[in-house]
Every structure is written in structure tokens, then in C-alpha cells.
Amino acid sequence: MKVIIERKSYNTETATKIAEWDNGRYRNDFSAIEETLYKTKKGQYFLHGWGGAATSYAKTFGNSSSEGESIKLLSENEAIDWLSLHGKVEEIELYFGDCIEEG
């Protein structure tokens, strides 16, 4: 997917994929969600999400809705939080090791 936000291009084909997550549901399930965290060559993080008709990614058309997808820009802290939320410890250490302290 490719979008332009604030005159800047974000493309899932050219950005570096950091991690993927899905909620374990089949794609034909209205509540299925798939998300992938990316980093552009210039260092901007973004989340590409896809979801079924009963998710926040859904597109509405009158009285009905269908699957949809979108790209959301994330700060470095939001990217780390997303990885942490989905248990992606190895990716946090690999991409953000210098931001993490031992507790």
C-alpha cells in the first residue's frame, strides 16, 4: 500500500518491515485484524493495518461496511509501545536497544 501524508510518501513495498501481528482470526472473519510496523529510509515509523468489516479498519458505505486498510504514522515511542503490546521483545532489542534500560 502506498499513501501520501502531509506531502510525504509512505510505501509498504519500499519501507523496512519490523514486525507483524494478527489477532489469529481468518481473513474472512469480520473481526480479523492484521498489522505490520514499518520504518522508512528517513526514519519515520508507520503502521499498516488491515481489518474486517467489524474492526476499526472497516470502510463504511451507507448502511453497510466492508474490510479496509490504512496507514498510521507513529513516533518512536509509539512504535516501541506497539511492539511491547504484541510481545515483540526481539524486535525491540534489535531496533530500539539503545532506548531500553534494564529495570
N, C-alpha and C. Protein backbone atom coordinates (compact mmCIF):
# COMPACT_ATOMS: atom_id res chain seq x y z
N MET A 1 0.85 -1.18 0.00
CA MET A 1 0.00 0.00 0.00
C MET A 1 0.89 1.24 0.00
N LYS A 2 0.46 2.22 -0.73
CA LYS A 2 1.20 3.47 -0.80
C LYS A 2 0.24 4.62 -0.55
N VAL A 3 0.62 5.54 0.35
CA VAL A 3 -0.18 6.73 0.62
C VAL A 3 0.73 7.94 0.71
N ILE A 4 0.13 9.10 0.58
CA ILE A 4 0.85 10.35 0.79
C ILE A 4 0.18 11.08 1.94
N ILE A 5 0.98 11.39 2.97
CA ILE A 5 0.50 12.09 4.15
C ILE A 5 1.38 13.31 4.34
N GLU A 6 0.76 14.47 4.37
CA GLU A 6 1.49 15.72 4.54
C GLU A 6 2.64 15.85 3.54
N ARG A 7 2.34 15.53 2.29
CA ARG A 7 3.28 15.63 1.17
C ARG A 7 4.49 14.70 1.27
N LYS A 8 4.34 13.64 2.05
CA LYS A 8 5.39 12.62 2.15
C LYS A 8 4.79 11.27 1.80
N SER A 9 5.57 10.47 1.07
CA SER A 9 5.12 9.18 0.60
C SER A 9 5.50 8.07 1.59
N TYR A 10 4.55 7.18 1.85
CA TYR A 10 4.77 6.02 2.72
C TYR A 10 4.34 4.79 1.93
N ASN A 11 5.29 3.86 1.74
CA ASN A 11 5.07 2.72 0.87
C ASN A 11 5.51 1.44 1.56
N THR A 12 4.60 0.50 1.70
CA THR A 12 4.94 -0.77 2.34
C THR A 12 5.91 -1.60 1.51
N GLU A 13 6.01 -1.31 0.21
CA GLU A 13 6.91 -2.06 -0.66
C GLU A 13 8.37 -1.62 -0.52
N THR A 14 8.60 -0.37 -0.11
CA THR A 14 9.97 0.14 -0.05
C THR A 14 10.47 0.36 1.38
N ALA A 15 9.59 0.36 2.35
CA ALA A 15 10.00 0.55 3.75
C ALA A 15 10.49 -0.77 4.34
N THR A 16 11.22 -0.67 5.44
CA THR A 16 11.72 -1.86 6.15
C THR A 16 10.64 -2.40 7.08
N LYS A 17 10.31 -3.68 6.91
CA LYS A 17 9.33 -4.32 7.78
C LYS A 17 10.01 -4.68 9.09
N ILE A 18 9.43 -4.23 10.20
CA ILE A 18 9.99 -4.52 11.52
C ILE A 18 9.30 -5.70 12.17
N ALA A 19 7.97 -5.71 12.16
CA ALA A 19 7.23 -6.80 12.82
C ALA A 19 5.81 -6.86 12.30
N GLU A 20 5.22 -8.05 12.41
CA GLU A 20 3.82 -8.27 12.02
C GLU A 20 3.06 -8.83 13.21
N TRP A 21 1.76 -8.57 13.22
CA TRP A 21 0.87 -9.12 14.24
C TRP A 21 -0.51 -9.32 13.63
N ASP A 22 -1.19 -10.37 14.06
CA ASP A 22 -2.60 -10.52 13.71
C ASP A 22 -3.33 -11.10 14.90
N ASN A 23 -4.64 -10.96 14.91
CA ASN A 23 -5.42 -11.42 16.07
C ASN A 23 -5.84 -12.88 15.97
N GLY A 24 -5.26 -13.61 15.03
CA GLY A 24 -5.49 -15.05 14.96
C GLY A 24 -6.77 -15.47 14.26
N ARG A 25 -7.49 -14.55 13.71
CA ARG A 25 -8.73 -14.89 13.00
C ARG A 25 -8.48 -15.00 11.51
N TYR A 26 -9.29 -15.82 10.85
CA TYR A 26 -9.17 -15.98 9.40
C TYR A 26 -9.59 -14.69 8.71
N ARG A 27 -9.03 -14.44 7.55
CA ARG A 27 -9.31 -13.19 6.81
C ARG A 27 -10.78 -13.03 6.46
N ASN A 28 -11.54 -14.12 6.37
CA ASN A 28 -12.96 -13.99 6.05
C ASN A 28 -13.81 -13.68 7.29
N ASP A 29 -13.20 -13.58 8.45
CA ASP A 29 -13.89 -13.22 9.69
C ASP A 29 -14.01 -11.69 9.76
N PHE A 30 -15.19 -11.20 10.05
CA PHE A 30 -15.42 -9.74 10.10
C PHE A 30 -14.56 -9.05 11.15
N SER A 31 -14.06 -9.79 12.14
CA SER A 31 -13.25 -9.16 13.20
C SER A 31 -11.75 -9.44 13.06
N ALA A 32 -11.33 -9.95 11.91
CA ALA A 32 -9.91 -10.23 11.67
C ALA A 32 -9.13 -8.92 11.53
N ILE A 33 -7.94 -8.88 12.15
CA ILE A 33 -7.05 -7.72 12.05
C ILE A 33 -5.64 -8.21 11.79
N GLU A 34 -4.94 -7.51 10.89
CA GLU A 34 -3.52 -7.75 10.62
C GLU A 34 -2.83 -6.39 10.64
N GLU A 35 -1.70 -6.30 11.35
CA GLU A 35 -0.95 -5.05 11.41
C GLU A 35 0.53 -5.33 11.18
N THR A 36 1.21 -4.40 10.52
CA THR A 36 2.64 -4.51 10.26
C THR A 36 3.29 -3.17 10.53
N LEU A 37 4.37 -3.20 11.32
CA LEU A 37 5.13 -2.00 11.64
C LEU A 37 6.28 -1.86 10.65
N TYR A 38 6.45 -0.66 10.09
CA TYR A 38 7.50 -0.37 9.12
C TYR A 38 8.31 0.85 9.55
N LYS A 39 9.49 0.96 8.95
CA LYS A 39 10.34 2.15 9.11
C LYS A 39 10.81 2.58 7.73
N THR A 40 10.65 3.88 7.44
CA THR A 40 11.10 4.39 6.14
C THR A 40 12.61 4.61 6.16
N LYS A 41 13.17 4.85 4.99
CA LYS A 41 14.60 5.13 4.88
C LYS A 41 14.99 6.40 5.63
N LYS A 42 14.04 7.32 5.80
CA LYS A 42 14.32 8.56 6.52
C LYS A 42 14.00 8.45 8.02
N GLY A 43 13.64 7.26 8.49
CA GLY A 43 13.47 7.03 9.91
C GLY A 43 12.07 7.21 10.48
N GLN A 44 11.06 7.39 9.63
CA GLN A 44 9.68 7.53 10.12
C GLN A 44 9.05 6.14 10.27
N TYR A 45 8.41 5.92 11.40
CA TYR A 45 7.70 4.66 11.64
C TYR A 45 6.26 4.81 11.20
N PHE A 46 5.72 3.72 10.65
CA PHE A 46 4.29 3.72 10.34
C PHE A 46 3.73 2.31 10.47
N LEU A 47 2.44 2.28 10.75
CA LEU A 47 1.72 1.02 10.94
C LEU A 47 0.75 0.85 9.79
N HIS A 48 0.88 -0.26 9.07
CA HIS A 48 -0.09 -0.60 8.04
C HIS A 48 -1.05 -1.60 8.67
N GLY A 49 -2.32 -1.27 8.63
CA GLY A 49 -3.32 -2.17 9.21
C GLY A 49 -4.38 -2.54 8.21
N TRP A 50 -4.86 -3.75 8.36
CA TRP A 50 -5.97 -4.27 7.57
C TRP A 50 -6.95 -4.89 8.54
N GLY A 51 -8.24 -4.73 8.29
CA GLY A 51 -9.22 -5.35 9.16
C GLY A 51 -10.53 -5.63 8.45
N GLY A 52 -11.26 -6.56 9.04
CA GLY A 52 -12.57 -6.93 8.51
C GLY A 52 -13.63 -5.87 8.79
N ALA A 53 -14.84 -6.15 8.38
CA ALA A 53 -15.94 -5.19 8.45
C ALA A 53 -16.33 -4.79 9.87
N ALA A 54 -15.95 -5.56 10.87
CA ALA A 54 -16.29 -5.24 12.27
C ALA A 54 -15.11 -4.69 13.04
N THR A 55 -14.14 -4.10 12.35
CA THR A 55 -12.94 -3.57 13.00
C THR A 55 -12.82 -2.06 12.76
N SER A 56 -11.87 -1.47 13.42
CA SER A 56 -11.62 -0.03 13.23
C SER A 56 -11.08 0.28 11.84
N TYR A 57 -10.63 -0.72 11.10
CA TYR A 57 -10.13 -0.51 9.75
C TYR A 57 -11.23 -0.56 8.68
N ALA A 58 -12.43 -0.93 9.07
CA ALA A 58 -13.53 -1.10 8.12
C ALA A 58 -13.86 0.20 7.40
N LYS A 59 -14.32 0.05 6.18
CA LYS A 59 -14.82 1.17 5.38
C LYS A 59 -16.34 1.07 5.35
N THR A 60 -17.02 2.17 5.60
CA THR A 60 -18.48 2.14 5.60
C THR A 60 -19.03 2.73 4.31
N PHE A 61 -20.11 2.14 3.86
CA PHE A 61 -20.81 2.56 2.65
C PHE A 61 -22.30 2.55 2.96
N GLY A 62 -22.84 3.70 3.29
CA GLY A 62 -24.25 3.76 3.65
C GLY A 62 -24.51 2.98 4.92
N ASN A 63 -25.36 1.96 4.83
CA ASN A 63 -25.71 1.14 5.99
C ASN A 63 -24.85 -0.10 6.14
N SER A 64 -23.84 -0.27 5.31
CA SER A 64 -23.01 -1.47 5.40
C SER A 64 -21.54 -1.10 5.49
N SER A 65 -20.75 -2.08 5.82
CA SER A 65 -19.31 -1.86 5.90
C SER A 65 -18.58 -3.07 5.31
N SER A 66 -17.33 -2.85 4.94
CA SER A 66 -16.52 -3.92 4.39
C SER A 66 -15.11 -3.78 4.92
N GLU A 67 -14.28 -4.74 4.61
CA GLU A 67 -12.88 -4.69 5.03
C GLU A 67 -12.22 -3.40 4.56
N GLY A 68 -11.17 -3.02 5.27
CA GLY A 68 -10.45 -1.81 4.89
C GLY A 68 -9.02 -1.87 5.37
N GLU A 69 -8.23 -0.90 4.93
CA GLU A 69 -6.84 -0.82 5.35
C GLU A 69 -6.43 0.64 5.44
N SER A 70 -5.40 0.90 6.21
CA SER A 70 -4.90 2.26 6.34
C SER A 70 -3.47 2.25 6.84
N ILE A 71 -2.84 3.41 6.74
CA ILE A 71 -1.50 3.63 7.27
C ILE A 71 -1.58 4.73 8.30
N LYS A 72 -0.94 4.50 9.45
CA LYS A 72 -0.91 5.48 10.54
C LYS A 72 0.54 5.75 10.90
N LEU A 73 0.90 7.02 10.97
CA LEU A 73 2.26 7.38 11.37
C LEU A 73 2.42 7.20 12.87
N LEU A 74 3.60 6.72 13.29
CA LEU A 74 3.90 6.51 14.70
C LEU A 74 5.20 7.20 15.07
N SER A 75 5.25 7.70 16.29
CA SER A 75 6.52 8.19 16.82
C SER A 75 7.37 6.99 17.23
N GLU A 76 8.62 7.24 17.57
CA GLU A 76 9.47 6.15 18.03
C GLU A 76 8.89 5.51 19.28
N ASN A 77 8.41 6.30 20.23
CA ASN A 77 7.81 5.76 21.45
C ASN A 77 6.56 4.94 21.16
N GLU A 78 5.73 5.41 20.23
CA GLU A 78 4.53 4.66 19.86
C GLU A 78 4.90 3.33 19.19
N ALA A 79 5.96 3.33 18.39
CA ALA A 79 6.41 2.09 17.76
C ALA A 79 6.88 1.09 18.81
N ILE A 80 7.64 1.57 19.79
CA ILE A 80 8.11 0.69 20.88
C ILE A 80 6.92 0.17 21.67
N ASP A 81 5.97 1.03 21.97
CA ASP A 81 4.77 0.61 22.71
C ASP A 81 3.98 -0.44 21.94
N TRP A 82 3.85 -0.27 20.61
CA TRP A 82 3.13 -1.25 19.79
C TRP A 82 3.85 -2.60 19.84
N LEU A 83 5.17 -2.58 19.70
CA LEU A 83 5.94 -3.82 19.77
C LEU A 83 5.79 -4.49 21.13
N SER A 84 5.85 -3.69 22.18
CA SER A 84 5.71 -4.22 23.54
C SER A 84 4.33 -4.83 23.76
N LEU A 85 3.29 -4.14 23.30
CA LEU A 85 1.92 -4.62 23.44
C LEU A 85 1.74 -6.00 22.81
N HIS A 86 2.47 -6.25 21.72
CA HIS A 86 2.32 -7.51 21.00
C HIS A 86 3.45 -8.51 21.27
N GLY A 87 4.21 -8.26 22.34
CA GLY A 87 5.22 -9.22 22.78
C GLY A 87 6.41 -9.37 21.85
N LYS A 88 6.74 -8.35 21.12
CA LYS A 88 7.84 -8.42 20.14
C LYS A 88 9.16 -7.96 20.79
N VAL A 89 9.63 -8.70 21.78
CA VAL A 89 10.82 -8.34 22.55
C VAL A 89 12.08 -8.33 21.68
N GLU A 90 12.24 -9.33 20.84
CA GLU A 90 13.44 -9.40 19.99
C GLU A 90 13.53 -8.19 19.06
N GLU A 91 12.40 -7.77 18.50
CA GLU A 91 12.39 -6.61 17.61
C GLU A 91 12.70 -5.32 18.38
N ILE A 92 12.20 -5.21 19.61
CA ILE A 92 12.53 -4.04 20.43
C ILE A 92 14.03 -3.98 20.67
N GLU A 93 14.61 -5.11 21.04
CA GLU A 93 16.05 -5.15 21.30
C GLU A 93 16.86 -4.86 20.04
N LEU A 94 16.40 -5.37 18.90
CA LEU A 94 17.12 -5.19 17.64
C LEU A 94 17.06 -3.75 17.13
N TYR A 95 15.88 -3.16 17.14
CA TYR A 95 15.70 -1.83 16.54
C TYR A 95 15.78 -0.68 17.54
N PHE A 96 15.55 -0.97 18.83
CA PHE A 96 15.48 0.10 19.83
C PHE A 96 16.33 -0.20 21.06
N GLY A 97 17.32 -1.05 20.92
CA GLY A 97 18.14 -1.46 22.06
C GLY A 97 18.75 -0.32 22.83
N ASP A 98 19.12 0.75 22.13
CA ASP A 98 19.73 1.88 22.80
C ASP A 98 18.72 2.73 23.58
N CYS A 99 17.44 2.48 23.40
CA CYS A 99 16.38 3.22 24.11
C CYS A 99 15.88 2.48 25.34
N ILE A 100 16.32 1.25 25.52
CA ILE A 100 15.79 0.39 26.59
C ILE A 100 16.81 0.27 27.72
N GLU A 101 16.32 0.45 28.94
CA GLU A 101 17.17 0.31 30.11
C GLU A 101 16.77 -0.94 30.89
N GLU A 102 17.71 -1.49 31.61
CA GLU A 102 17.41 -2.63 32.48
C GLU A 102 16.74 -2.10 33.74
N GLY A 103 15.70 -2.81 34.16
CA GLY A 103 14.91 -2.36 35.33
C GLY A 103 15.47 -2.79 36.64
